[in-house]
Each structure stands twice: as C-alpha cells, then as structure tokens.
PDB file of N, CA and C in Angstrom:
ATOM      1  N   MET A   1     -17.066   7.566   3.503  1.00  0.00           N
ATOM      2  CA  MET A   1     -16.940   6.180   3.931  1.00  0.00           C
ATOM      3  C   MET A   1     -16.505   6.122   5.388  1.00  0.00           C
ATOM      4  N   SER A   2     -17.151   5.326   6.150  1.00  0.00           N
ATOM      5  CA  SER A   2     -16.716   5.154   7.523  1.00  0.00           C
ATOM      6  C   SER A   2     -16.104   3.771   7.675  1.00  0.00           C
ATOM      7  N   ALA A   3     -15.140   3.672   8.530  1.00  0.00           N
ATOM      8  CA  ALA A   3     -14.442   2.402   8.726  1.00  0.00           C
ATOM      9  C   ALA A   3     -15.294   1.458   9.556  1.00  0.00           C
ATOM     10  N   LYS A   4     -15.246   0.188   9.177  1.00  0.00           N
ATOM     11  CA  LYS A   4     -15.918  -0.837   9.972  1.00  0.00           C
ATOM     12  C   LYS A   4     -15.061  -1.135  11.184  1.00  0.00           C
ATOM     13  N   PRO A   5     -15.642  -1.683  12.241  1.00  0.00           N
ATOM     14  CA  PRO A   5     -14.822  -2.058  13.392  1.00  0.00           C
ATOM     15  C   PRO A   5     -13.775  -3.071  12.962  1.00  0.00           C
ATOM     16  N   LYS A   6     -12.596  -2.953  13.511  1.00  0.00           N
ATOM     17  CA  LYS A   6     -11.511  -3.869  13.171  1.00  0.00           C
ATOM     18  C   LYS A   6     -11.802  -5.257  13.714  1.00  0.00           C
ATOM     19  N   THR A   7     -11.507  -6.235  12.903  1.00  0.00           N
ATOM     20  CA  THR A   7     -11.636  -7.621  13.308  1.00  0.00           C
ATOM     21  C   THR A   7     -10.249  -8.226  13.345  1.00  0.00           C
ATOM     22  N   VAL A   8     -10.178  -9.500  13.683  1.00  0.00           N
ATOM     23  CA  VAL A   8      -8.886 -10.162  13.685  1.00  0.00           C
ATOM     24  C   VAL A   8      -8.313 -10.069  12.283  1.00  0.00           C
ATOM     25  N   GLY A   9      -7.075  -9.613  12.158  1.00  0.00           N
ATOM     26  CA  GLY A   9      -6.441  -9.404  10.865  1.00  0.00           C
ATOM     27  C   GLY A   9      -6.350 -10.676  10.055  1.00  0.00           C
ATOM     28  N   THR A  10      -6.367 -10.481   8.754  1.00  0.00           N
ATOM     29  CA  THR A  10      -6.232 -11.611   7.862  1.00  0.00           C
ATOM     30  C   THR A  10      -4.846 -11.594   7.258  1.00  0.00           C
ATOM     31  N   GLY A  11      -4.495 -12.666   6.628  1.00  0.00           N
ATOM     32  CA  GLY A  11      -3.214 -12.736   5.943  1.00  0.00           C
ATOM     33  C   GLY A  11      -3.332 -12.384   4.479  1.00  0.00           C
ATOM     34  N   ARG A  12      -4.492 -11.888   4.057  1.00  0.00           N
ATOM     35  CA  ARG A  12      -4.692 -11.567   2.647  1.00  0.00           C
ATOM     36  C   ARG A  12      -3.913 -10.336   2.240  1.00  0.00           C
ATOM     37  N   ILE A  13      -3.440 -10.383   1.005  1.00  0.00           N
ATOM     38  CA  ILE A  13      -2.663  -9.290   0.433  1.00  0.00           C
ATOM     39  C   ILE A  13      -3.371  -8.814  -0.821  1.00  0.00           C
ATOM     40  N   ALA A  14      -3.442  -7.499  -0.989  1.00  0.00           N
ATOM     41  CA  ALA A  14      -3.992  -6.905  -2.212  1.00  0.00           C
ATOM     42  C   ALA A  14      -2.917  -6.016  -2.828  1.00  0.00           C
ATOM     43  N   VAL A  15      -2.942  -5.916  -4.147  1.00  0.00           N
ATOM     44  CA  VAL A  15      -1.973  -5.101  -4.874  1.00  0.00           C
ATOM     45  C   VAL A  15      -2.728  -4.213  -5.857  1.00  0.00           C
ATOM     46  N   VAL A  16      -2.394  -2.915  -5.853  1.00  0.00           N
ATOM     47  CA  VAL A  16      -3.047  -1.933  -6.717  1.00  0.00           C
ATOM     48  C   VAL A  16      -1.973  -1.096  -7.392  1.00  0.00           C
ATOM     49  N   GLY A  17      -2.129  -0.875  -8.687  1.00  0.00           N
ATOM     50  CA  GLY A  17      -1.204   0.036  -9.322  1.00  0.00           C
ATOM     51  C   GLY A  17      -0.938  -0.243 -10.773  1.00  0.00           C
ATOM     52  N   ASP A  18       0.262   0.155 -11.187  1.00  0.00           N
ATOM     53  CA  ASP A  18       0.608   0.031 -12.591  1.00  0.00           C
ATOM     54  C   ASP A  18       0.794  -1.433 -12.987  1.00  0.00           C
ATOM     55  N   ARG A  19       0.695  -1.663 -14.251  1.00  0.00           N
ATOM     56  CA  ARG A  19       0.710  -3.019 -14.811  1.00  0.00           C
ATOM     57  C   ARG A  19       1.936  -3.816 -14.381  1.00  0.00           C
ATOM     58  N   GLN A  20       3.109  -3.209 -14.429  1.00  0.00           N
ATOM     59  CA  GLN A  20       4.341  -3.936 -14.101  1.00  0.00           C
ATOM     60  C   GLN A  20       4.339  -4.443 -12.662  1.00  0.00           C
ATOM     61  N   LEU A  21       3.929  -3.608 -11.727  1.00  0.00           N
ATOM     62  CA  LEU A  21       3.892  -4.008 -10.325  1.00  0.00           C
ATOM     63  C   LEU A  21       2.869  -5.123 -10.115  1.00  0.00           C
ATOM     64  N   VAL A  22       1.680  -4.935 -10.651  1.00  0.00           N
ATOM     65  CA  VAL A  22       0.595  -5.890 -10.443  1.00  0.00           C
ATOM     66  C   VAL A  22       0.926  -7.247 -11.060  1.00  0.00           C
ATOM     67  N   ILE A  23       1.451  -7.257 -12.264  1.00  0.00           N
ATOM     68  CA  ILE A  23       1.782  -8.526 -12.928  1.00  0.00           C
ATOM     69  C   ILE A  23       2.820  -9.290 -12.107  1.00  0.00           C
ATOM     70  N   GLY A  24       3.790  -8.594 -11.552  1.00  0.00           N
ATOM     71  CA  GLY A  24       4.804  -9.257 -10.726  1.00  0.00           C
ATOM     72  C   GLY A  24       4.190  -9.981  -9.541  1.00  0.00           C
ATOM     73  N   TYR A  25       3.254  -9.346  -8.874  1.00  0.00           N
ATOM     74  CA  TYR A  25       2.603  -9.981  -7.733  1.00  0.00           C
ATOM     75  C   TYR A  25       1.657 -11.108  -8.162  1.00  0.00           C
ATOM     76  N   ARG A  26       1.038 -10.954  -9.318  1.00  0.00           N
ATOM     77  CA  ARG A  26       0.207 -12.054  -9.839  1.00  0.00           C
ATOM     78  C   ARG A  26       1.062 -13.297 -10.071  1.00  0.00           C
ATOM     79  N   LEU A  27       2.260 -13.081 -10.609  1.00  0.00           N
ATOM     80  CA  LEU A  27       3.175 -14.203 -10.851  1.00  0.00           C
ATOM     81  C   LEU A  27       3.587 -14.878  -9.546  1.00  0.00           C
ATOM     82  N   LEU A  28       3.587 -14.123  -8.457  1.00  0.00           N
ATOM     83  CA  LEU A  28       3.909 -14.687  -7.145  1.00  0.00           C
ATOM     84  C   LEU A  28       2.723 -15.406  -6.515  1.00  0.00           C
ATOM     85  N   GLY A  29       1.562 -15.351  -7.160  1.00  0.00           N
ATOM     86  CA  GLY A  29       0.393 -16.066  -6.652  1.00  0.00           C
ATOM     87  C   GLY A  29      -0.602 -15.223  -5.887  1.00  0.00           C
ATOM     88  N   ILE A  30      -0.446 -13.903  -5.901  1.00  0.00           N
ATOM     89  CA  ILE A  30      -1.403 -13.023  -5.225  1.00  0.00           C
ATOM     90  C   ILE A  30      -2.632 -12.879  -6.131  1.00  0.00           C
ATOM     91  N   ASP A  31      -3.795 -13.217  -5.600  1.00  0.00           N
ATOM     92  CA  ASP A  31      -5.017 -13.188  -6.398  1.00  0.00           C
ATOM     93  C   ASP A  31      -5.693 -11.826  -6.441  1.00  0.00           C
ATOM     94  N   ASP A  32      -5.628 -11.079  -5.362  1.00  0.00           N
ATOM     95  CA  ASP A  32      -6.327  -9.795  -5.277  1.00  0.00           C
ATOM     96  C   ASP A  32      -5.445  -8.687  -5.835  1.00  0.00           C
ATOM     97  N   THR A  33      -5.406  -8.585  -7.162  1.00  0.00           N
ATOM     98  CA  THR A  33      -4.569  -7.587  -7.827  1.00  0.00           C
ATOM     99  C   THR A  33      -5.437  -6.727  -8.734  1.00  0.00           C
ATOM    100  N   TYR A  34      -5.099  -5.452  -8.807  1.00  0.00           N
ATOM    101  CA  TYR A  34      -5.907  -4.491  -9.552  1.00  0.00           C
ATOM    102  C   TYR A  34      -4.992  -3.553 -10.324  1.00  0.00           C
ATOM    103  N   ILE A  35      -5.050  -3.626 -11.648  1.00  0.00           N
ATOM    104  CA  ILE A  35      -4.322  -2.674 -12.478  1.00  0.00           C
ATOM    105  C   ILE A  35      -5.205  -1.437 -12.567  1.00  0.00           C
ATOM    106  N   ALA A  36      -4.752  -0.352 -11.969  1.00  0.00           N
ATOM    107  CA  ALA A  36      -5.553   0.870 -11.930  1.00  0.00           C
ATOM    108  C   ALA A  36      -4.633   2.071 -11.720  1.00  0.00           C
ATOM    109  N   GLU A  37      -5.047   3.192 -12.285  1.00  0.00           N
ATOM    110  CA  GLU A  37      -4.313   4.444 -12.106  1.00  0.00           C
ATOM    111  C   GLU A  37      -5.307   5.576 -11.890  1.00  0.00           C
ATOM    112  N   GLY A  38      -4.823   6.689 -11.382  1.00  0.00           N
ATOM    113  CA  GLY A  38      -5.646   7.882 -11.209  1.00  0.00           C
ATOM    114  C   GLY A  38      -6.830   7.667 -10.290  1.00  0.00           C
ATOM    115  N   GLU A  39      -7.978   8.212 -10.691  1.00  0.00           N
ATOM    116  CA  GLU A  39      -9.181   8.157  -9.854  1.00  0.00           C
ATOM    117  C   GLU A  39      -9.656   6.724  -9.632  1.00  0.00           C
ATOM    118  N   GLU A  40      -9.500   5.865 -10.636  1.00  0.00           N
ATOM    119  CA  GLU A  40      -9.879   4.463 -10.465  1.00  0.00           C
ATOM    120  C   GLU A  40      -9.058   3.815  -9.358  1.00  0.00           C
ATOM    121  N   ALA A  41      -7.770   4.106  -9.311  1.00  0.00           N
ATOM    122  CA  ALA A  41      -6.903   3.557  -8.266  1.00  0.00           C
ATOM    123  C   ALA A  41      -7.312   4.067  -6.893  1.00  0.00           C
ATOM    124  N   VAL A  42      -7.702   5.331  -6.802  1.00  0.00           N
ATOM    125  CA  VAL A  42      -8.158   5.903  -5.529  1.00  0.00           C
ATOM    126  C   VAL A  42      -9.390   5.147  -5.040  1.00  0.00           C
ATOM    127  N   GLN A  43     -10.342   4.894  -5.921  1.00  0.00           N
ATOM    128  CA  GLN A  43     -11.558   4.180  -5.544  1.00  0.00           C
ATOM    129  C   GLN A  43     -11.247   2.752  -5.091  1.00  0.00           C
ATOM    130  N   VAL A  44     -10.349   2.082  -5.804  1.00  0.00           N
ATOM    131  CA  VAL A  44      -9.970   0.717  -5.433  1.00  0.00           C
ATOM    132  C   VAL A  44      -9.284   0.721  -4.067  1.00  0.00           C
ATOM    133  N   MET A  45      -8.369   1.670  -3.850  1.00  0.00           N
ATOM    134  CA  MET A  45      -7.662   1.752  -2.563  1.00  0.00           C
ATOM    135  C   MET A  45      -8.641   1.956  -1.411  1.00  0.00           C
ATOM    136  N   GLN A  46      -9.595   2.854  -1.580  1.00  0.00           N
ATOM    137  CA  GLN A  46     -10.564   3.110  -0.517  1.00  0.00           C
ATOM    138  C   GLN A  46     -11.398   1.865  -0.235  1.00  0.00           C
ATOM    139  N   LYS A  47     -11.832   1.186  -1.275  1.00  0.00           N
ATOM    140  CA  LYS A  47     -12.624  -0.031  -1.103  1.00  0.00           C
ATOM    141  C   LYS A  47     -11.829  -1.088  -0.339  1.00  0.00           C
ATOM    142  N   LEU A  48     -10.583  -1.302  -0.720  1.00  0.00           N
ATOM    143  CA  LEU A  48      -9.745  -2.307  -0.060  1.00  0.00           C
ATOM    144  C   LEU A  48      -9.437  -1.913   1.378  1.00  0.00           C
ATOM    145  N   PHE A  49      -9.078  -0.664   1.593  1.00  0.00           N
ATOM    146  CA  PHE A  49      -8.678  -0.176   2.909  1.00  0.00           C
ATOM    147  C   PHE A  49      -9.809  -0.326   3.927  1.00  0.00           C
ATOM    148  N   TYR A  50     -11.014   0.035   3.524  1.00  0.00           N
ATOM    149  CA  TYR A  50     -12.143   0.006   4.454  1.00  0.00           C
ATOM    150  C   TYR A  50     -12.853  -1.346   4.521  1.00  0.00           C
ATOM    151  N   SER A  51     -12.443  -2.315   3.715  1.00  0.00           N
ATOM    152  CA  SER A  51     -13.121  -3.613   3.670  1.00  0.00           C
ATOM    153  C   SER A  51     -12.830  -4.496   4.878  1.00  0.00           C
ATOM    154  N   ASN A  52     -11.726  -4.251   5.565  1.00  0.00           N
ATOM    155  CA  ASN A  52     -11.282  -5.094   6.679  1.00  0.00           C
ATOM    156  C   ASN A  52     -11.009  -6.534   6.252  1.00  0.00           C
ATOM    157  N   GLU A  53     -10.711  -6.736   4.985  1.00  0.00           N
ATOM    158  CA  GLU A  53     -10.431  -8.068   4.473  1.00  0.00           C
ATOM    159  C   GLU A  53      -8.943  -8.326   4.245  1.00  0.00           C
ATOM    160  N   PHE A  54      -8.125  -7.284   4.346  1.00  0.00           N
ATOM    161  CA  PHE A  54      -6.716  -7.415   3.989  1.00  0.00           C
ATOM    162  C   PHE A  54      -5.799  -6.995   5.135  1.00  0.00           C
ATOM    163  N   GLY A  55      -4.723  -7.744   5.288  1.00  0.00           N
ATOM    164  CA  GLY A  55      -3.711  -7.394   6.271  1.00  0.00           C
ATOM    165  C   GLY A  55      -2.633  -6.501   5.675  1.00  0.00           C
ATOM    166  N   LEU A  56      -2.461  -6.594   4.346  1.00  0.00           N
ATOM    167  CA  LEU A  56      -1.431  -5.830   3.643  1.00  0.00           C
ATOM    168  C   LEU A  56      -1.969  -5.385   2.297  1.00  0.00           C
ATOM    169  N   ILE A  57      -1.774  -4.107   2.005  1.00  0.00           N
ATOM    170  CA  ILE A  57      -2.101  -3.567   0.689  1.00  0.00           C
ATOM    171  C   ILE A  57      -0.819  -2.976   0.124  1.00  0.00           C
ATOM    172  N   VAL A  58      -0.418  -3.461  -1.037  1.00  0.00           N
ATOM    173  CA  VAL A  58       0.767  -2.953  -1.734  1.00  0.00           C
ATOM    174  C   VAL A  58       0.264  -2.126  -2.908  1.00  0.00           C
ATOM    175  N   ALA A  59       0.795  -0.923  -3.068  1.00  0.00           N
ATOM    176  CA  ALA A  59       0.354  -0.059  -4.162  1.00  0.00           C
ATOM    177  C   ALA A  59       1.549   0.627  -4.801  1.00  0.00           C
ATOM    178  N   SER A  60       1.384   1.008  -6.041  1.00  0.00           N
ATOM    179  CA  SER A  60       2.407   1.781  -6.741  1.00  0.00           C
ATOM    180  C   SER A  60       2.536   3.147  -6.082  1.00  0.00           C
ATOM    181  N   ARG A  61       3.720   3.691  -6.105  1.00  0.00           N
ATOM    182  CA  ARG A  61       3.929   5.035  -5.563  1.00  0.00           C
ATOM    183  C   ARG A  61       3.071   6.055  -6.309  1.00  0.00           C
ATOM    184  N   SER A  62       2.806   5.818  -7.594  1.00  0.00           N
ATOM    185  CA  SER A  62       1.956   6.733  -8.360  1.00  0.00           C
ATOM    186  C   SER A  62       0.530   6.761  -7.809  1.00  0.00           C
ATOM    187  N   VAL A  63       0.085   5.663  -7.213  1.00  0.00           N
ATOM    188  CA  VAL A  63      -1.243   5.627  -6.588  1.00  0.00           C
ATOM    189  C   VAL A  63      -1.252   6.579  -5.392  1.00  0.00           C
ATOM    190  N   ARG A  64      -0.189   6.557  -4.594  1.00  0.00           N
ATOM    191  CA  ARG A  64      -0.110   7.459  -3.436  1.00  0.00           C
ATOM    192  C   ARG A  64      -0.245   8.914  -3.871  1.00  0.00           C
ATOM    193  N   ASP A  65       0.375   9.255  -4.993  1.00  0.00           N
ATOM    194  CA  ASP A  65       0.317  10.630  -5.482  1.00  0.00           C
ATOM    195  C   ASP A  65      -1.104  11.059  -5.828  1.00  0.00           C
ATOM    196  N   ALA A  66      -1.975  10.104  -6.175  1.00  0.00           N
ATOM    197  CA  ALA A  66      -3.355  10.415  -6.555  1.00  0.00           C
ATOM    198  C   ALA A  66      -4.286  10.535  -5.348  1.00  0.00           C
ATOM    199  N   LEU A  67      -3.857  10.091  -4.169  1.00  0.00           N
ATOM    200  CA  LEU A  67      -4.715  10.089  -2.984  1.00  0.00           C
ATOM    201  C   LEU A  67      -4.829  11.476  -2.361  1.00  0.00           C
ATOM    202  N   SER A  68      -5.949  11.734  -1.704  1.00  0.00           N
ATOM    203  CA  SER A  68      -6.113  13.001  -0.986  1.00  0.00           C
ATOM    204  C   SER A  68      -5.215  13.009   0.249  1.00  0.00           C
ATOM    205  N   GLN A  69      -4.913  14.182   0.734  1.00  0.00           N
ATOM    206  CA  GLN A  69      -4.081  14.317   1.940  1.00  0.00           C
ATOM    207  C   GLN A  69      -4.737  13.632   3.135  1.00  0.00           C
ATOM    208  N   THR A  70      -6.052  13.747   3.240  1.00  0.00           N
ATOM    209  CA  THR A  70      -6.778  13.130   4.356  1.00  0.00           C
ATOM    210  C   THR A  70      -6.643  11.617   4.333  1.00  0.00           C
ATOM    211  N   PHE A  71      -6.819  11.023   3.152  1.00  0.00           N
ATOM    212  CA  PHE A  71      -6.717   9.566   3.040  1.00  0.00           C
ATOM    213  C   PHE A  71      -5.280   9.100   3.253  1.00  0.00           C
ATOM    214  N   LYS A  72      -4.312   9.873   2.755  1.00  0.00           N
ATOM    215  CA  LYS A  72      -2.898   9.533   2.995  1.00  0.00           C
ATOM    216  C   LYS A  72      -2.606   9.507   4.496  1.00  0.00           C
ATOM    217  N   ALA A  73      -3.160  10.468   5.226  1.00  0.00           N
ATOM    218  CA  ALA A  73      -2.941  10.519   6.672  1.00  0.00           C
ATOM    219  C   ALA A  73      -3.523   9.284   7.353  1.00  0.00           C
ATOM    220  N   LYS A  74      -4.694   8.825   6.927  1.00  0.00           N
ATOM    221  CA  LYS A  74      -5.295   7.611   7.498  1.00  0.00           C
ATOM    222  C   LYS A  74      -4.422   6.402   7.211  1.00  0.00           C
ATOM    223  N   ILE A  75      -3.923   6.324   5.994  1.00  0.00           N
ATOM    224  CA  ILE A  75      -3.062   5.198   5.606  1.00  0.00           C
ATOM    225  C   ILE A  75      -1.776   5.218   6.426  1.00  0.00           C
ATOM    226  N   ASP A  76      -1.174   6.387   6.560  1.00  0.00           N
ATOM    227  CA  ASP A  76       0.085   6.500   7.299  1.00  0.00           C
ATOM    228  C   ASP A  76      -0.073   6.110   8.761  1.00  0.00           C
ATOM    229  N   ALA A  77      -1.253   6.320   9.322  1.00  0.00           N
ATOM    230  CA  ALA A  77      -1.496   6.004  10.728  1.00  0.00           C
ATOM    231  C   ALA A  77      -1.953   4.560  10.933  1.00  0.00           C
ATOM    232  N   SER A  78      -2.221   3.861   9.851  1.00  0.00           N
ATOM    233  CA  SER A  78      -2.794   2.516   9.947  1.00  0.00           C
ATOM    234  C   SER A  78      -1.714   1.436  10.000  1.00  0.00           C
ATOM    235  N   ILE A  79      -1.938   0.458  10.863  1.00  0.00           N
ATOM    236  CA  ILE A  79      -1.091  -0.728  10.835  1.00  0.00           C
ATOM    237  C   ILE A  79      -1.920  -1.954  10.455  1.00  0.00           C
ATOM    238  N   GLU A  80      -3.241  -1.802  10.407  1.00  0.00           N
ATOM    239  CA  GLU A  80      -4.116  -2.877   9.954  1.00  0.00           C
ATOM    240  C   GLU A  80      -5.264  -2.291   9.180  1.00  0.00           C
ATOM    241  N   PRO A  81      -5.230  -2.322   7.876  1.00  0.00           N
ATOM    242  CA  PRO A  81      -4.194  -2.964   7.080  1.00  0.00           C
ATOM    243  C   PRO A  81      -2.939  -2.093   7.002  1.00  0.00           C
ATOM    244  N   LEU A  82      -1.842  -2.745   6.812  1.00  0.00           N
ATOM    245  CA  LEU A  82      -0.590  -2.051   6.555  1.00  0.00           C
ATOM    246  C   LEU A  82      -0.552  -1.756   5.068  1.00  0.00           C
ATOM    247  N   VAL A  83      -0.271  -0.514   4.715  1.00  0.00           N
ATOM    248  CA  VAL A  83      -0.214  -0.116   3.306  1.00  0.00           C
ATOM    249  C   VAL A  83       1.211   0.322   3.004  1.00  0.00           C
ATOM    250  N   ILE A  84       1.791  -0.291   1.977  1.00  0.00           N
ATOM    251  CA  ILE A  84       3.125   0.119   1.551  1.00  0.00           C
ATOM    252  C   ILE A  84       3.070   0.520   0.083  1.00  0.00           C
ATOM    253  N   PHE A  85       3.889   1.478  -0.263  1.00  0.00           N
ATOM    254  CA  PHE A  85       3.943   1.981  -1.635  1.00  0.00           C
ATOM    255  C   PHE A  85       5.286   1.616  -2.234  1.00  0.00           C
ATOM    256  N   MET A  86       5.215   0.999  -3.409  1.00  0.00           N
ATOM    257  CA  MET A  86       6.414   0.530  -4.090  1.00  0.00           C
ATOM    258  C   MET A  86       6.690   1.419  -5.299  1.00  0.00           C
ATOM    259  N   PRO A  87       7.961   1.699  -5.549  1.00  0.00           N
ATOM    260  CA  PRO A  87       8.289   2.462  -6.760  1.00  0.00           C
ATOM    261  C   PRO A  87       8.055   1.599  -7.990  1.00  0.00           C
ATOM    262  N   SER A  88       7.752   2.250  -9.090  1.00  0.00           N
ATOM    263  CA  SER A  88       7.632   1.505 -10.336  1.00  0.00           C
ATOM    264  C   SER A  88       9.036   1.110 -10.781  1.00  0.00           C
ATOM    265  N   LEU A  89       9.121   0.221 -11.737  1.00  0.00           N
ATOM    266  CA  LEU A  89      10.430  -0.221 -12.209  1.00  0.00           C
ATOM    267  C   LEU A  89      11.231   0.935 -12.799  1.00  0.00           C
ATOM    268  N   GLN A  90      10.548   1.923 -13.364  1.00  0.00           N
ATOM    269  CA  GLN A  90      11.241   3.074 -13.925  1.00  0.00           C
ATOM    270  C   GLN A  90      11.880   3.928 -12.831  1.00  0.00           C
ATOM    271  N   GLU A  91      11.225   4.010 -11.676  1.00  0.00           N
ATOM    272  CA  GLU A  91      11.736   4.833 -10.579  1.00  0.00           C
ATOM    273  C   GLU A  91      12.929   4.184  -9.891  1.00  0.00           C
ATOM    274  N   GLY A  92      12.933   2.859  -9.829  1.00  0.00           N
ATOM    275  CA  GLY A  92      13.974   2.146  -9.100  1.00  0.00           C
ATOM    276  C   GLY A  92      13.671   2.131  -7.618  1.00  0.00           C
ATOM    277  N   ALA A  93      14.224   1.157  -6.916  1.00  0.00           N
ATOM    278  CA  ALA A  93      14.014   1.052  -5.475  1.00  0.00           C
ATOM    279  C   ALA A  93      14.871   2.073  -4.747  1.00  0.00           C
ATOM    280  N   LYS A  94      14.346   2.596  -3.669  1.00  0.00           N
ATOM    281  CA  LYS A  94      15.073   3.583  -2.873  1.00  0.00           C
ATOM    282  C   LYS A  94      15.092   3.128  -1.425  1.00  0.00           C
ATOM    283  N   GLU A  95      16.219   3.308  -0.763  1.00  0.00           N
ATOM    284  CA  GLU A  95      16.332   2.957   0.656  1.00  0.00           C
ATOM    285  C   GLU A  95      15.345   3.765   1.492  1.00  0.00           C
ATOM    286  N   GLU A  96      15.068   4.966   1.068  1.00  0.00           N
ATOM    287  CA  GLU A  96      14.200   5.862   1.815  1.00  0.00           C
ATOM    288  C   GLU A  96      12.842   5.233   2.103  1.00  0.00           C
ATOM    289  N   SER A  97      12.281   4.512   1.149  1.00  0.00           N
ATOM    290  CA  SER A  97      10.963   3.933   1.374  1.00  0.00           C
ATOM    291  C   SER A  97      10.993   2.889   2.486  1.00  0.00           C
ATOM    292  N   ILE A  98      12.072   2.138   2.592  1.00  0.00           N
ATOM    293  CA  ILE A  98      12.204   1.157   3.665  1.00  0.00           C
ATOM    294  C   ILE A  98      12.360   1.877   5.005  1.00  0.00           C
ATOM    295  N   SER A  99      13.154   2.915   5.031  1.00  0.00           N
ATOM    296  CA  SER A  99      13.335   3.685   6.263  1.00  0.00           C
ATOM    297  C   SER A  99      12.030   4.325   6.715  1.00  0.00           C
ATOM    298  N   ASP A 100      11.303   4.881   5.761  1.00  0.00           N
ATOM    299  CA  ASP A 100      10.020   5.502   6.102  1.00  0.00           C
ATOM    300  C   ASP A 100       9.043   4.475   6.657  1.00  0.00           C
ATOM    301  N   LEU A 101       9.015   3.297   6.042  1.00  0.00           N
ATOM    302  CA  LEU A 101       8.129   2.242   6.520  1.00  0.00           C
ATOM    303  C   LEU A 101       8.498   1.815   7.938  1.00  0.00           C
ATOM    304  N   ALA A 102       9.788   1.631   8.208  1.00  0.00           N
ATOM    305  CA  ALA A 102      10.228   1.238   9.555  1.00  0.00           C
ATOM    306  C   ALA A 102       9.881   2.318  10.578  1.00  0.00           C
ATOM    307  N   ARG A 103      10.041   3.560  10.197  1.00  0.00           N
ATOM    308  CA  ARG A 103       9.729   4.663  11.117  1.00  0.00           C
ATOM    309  C   ARG A 103       8.233   4.671  11.431  1.00  0.00           C
ATOM    310  N   ARG A 104       7.395   4.470  10.405  1.00  0.00           N
ATOM    311  CA  ARG A 104       5.945   4.519  10.602  1.00  0.00           C
ATOM    312  C   ARG A 104       5.435   3.307  11.364  1.00  0.00           C
ATOM    313  N   VAL A 105       5.909   2.111  11.016  1.00  0.00           N
ATOM    314  CA  VAL A 105       5.366   0.899  11.603  1.00  0.00           C
ATOM    315  C   VAL A 105       6.020   0.558  12.947  1.00  0.00           C
ATOM    316  N   LEU A 106       7.349   0.673  12.999  1.00  0.00           N
ATOM    317  CA  LEU A 106       8.078   0.255  14.198  1.00  0.00           C
ATOM    318  C   LEU A 106       8.441   1.417  15.114  1.00  0.00           C
ATOM    319  N   GLY A 107       8.392   2.624  14.565  1.00  0.00           N
ATOM    320  CA  GLY A 107       8.772   3.779  15.366  1.00  0.00           C
ATOM    321  C   GLY A 107      10.269   3.910  15.568  1.00  0.00           C
ATOM    322  N   VAL A 108      11.049   3.324  14.671  1.00  0.00           N
ATOM    323  CA  VAL A 108      12.511   3.413  14.767  1.00  0.00           C
ATOM    324  C   VAL A 108      13.080   3.932  13.461  1.00  0.00           C
ATOM    325  N   ASP A 109      14.229   4.598  13.564  1.00  0.00           N
ATOM    326  CA  ASP A 109      14.943   5.059  12.391  1.00  0.00           C
ATOM    327  C   ASP A 109      16.002   4.038  12.032  1.00  0.00           C
ATOM    328  N   ILE A 110      16.061   3.682  10.771  1.00  0.00           N
ATOM    329  CA  ILE A 110      17.081   2.750  10.283  1.00  0.00           C
ATOM    330  C   ILE A 110      18.073   3.544   9.450  1.00  0.00           C
ATOM    331  N   LYS A 111      19.309   3.486   9.817  1.00  0.00           N
ATOM    332  CA  LYS A 111      20.379   4.159   9.069  1.00  0.00           C
ATOM    333  C   LYS A 111      21.141   3.104   8.291  1.00  0.00           C
ATOM    334  N   VAL A 112      21.157   3.251   6.986  1.00  0.00           N
ATOM    335  CA  VAL A 112      21.814   2.275   6.115  1.00  0.00           C
ATOM    336  C   VAL A 112      23.123   2.866   5.604  1.00  0.00           C
ATOM    337  N   GLY A 113      24.185   2.064   5.646  1.00  0.00           N
ATOM    338  CA  GLY A 113      25.452   2.463   5.072  1.00  0.00           C
ATOM    339  C   GLY A 113      26.269   3.431   5.921  1.00  0.00           C
ATOM    340  N   GLU A 114      26.046   3.455   7.192  1.00  0.00           N
ATOM    341  CA  GLU A 114      26.860   4.334   8.047  1.00  0.00           C
ATOM    342  C   GLU A 114      27.775   3.543   8.923  1.00  0.00           C
TER     343      GLU A 114
END
C-alpha cells in the first residue's frame, strides 16, 4: 500500500480494537468504530491509516502488538493521522503511554510525580 498525498486534516476519529474499548467510544458518539483483533485489526488499521480521512485513530494496545515492525514505525512517525494506543480495561491505564505520546508528538519528556 502506498500513502496518498496528505490533504488538509479532518476532525474525524476512528477506533479499532477490543469490544470494551470500541463500545466506550460508540457511547461517546464516535461513528467510525471497528471491533477487530489479530489480522483483521491489522487490515482495518492499514485501511484507516492510508485513507487520509481521519485525524485521529485510537486503537487497543493489543492491536499494536499485532502490527508489523515496519507499520509500527510509520505510525510512530506520523502526526497525521495521529495514532494512539489505549490499554484495555484489564491492563489499566499507565502514565507511560501518556509520556510516550508526548515524546513522540511534542518532542518533550513529561515527568509525573517528581
């Protein structure tokens, strides 16, 4: 898949991942939600990422684990769309994910609790 030329970003949000994460975003009014795991989730992520239709893609951390190293590198370098990975409810939220996101997007380190 080759990327299309970037256009003016949209405010659309897509969500991919486990049922609990996706249902939560559906309840918030997000229409572009996809319950998917494994290879199906990888295909959905690639379709969304290269579509140039979304400004933000939220995915379960388990989806990240299924992605190839090459695709992860493209996602990590991308700010449009911005892709963030959320822990499942079983994993619990971690400060590390917020710090990693700030480092990747803003280029700054955030130290919490010091």
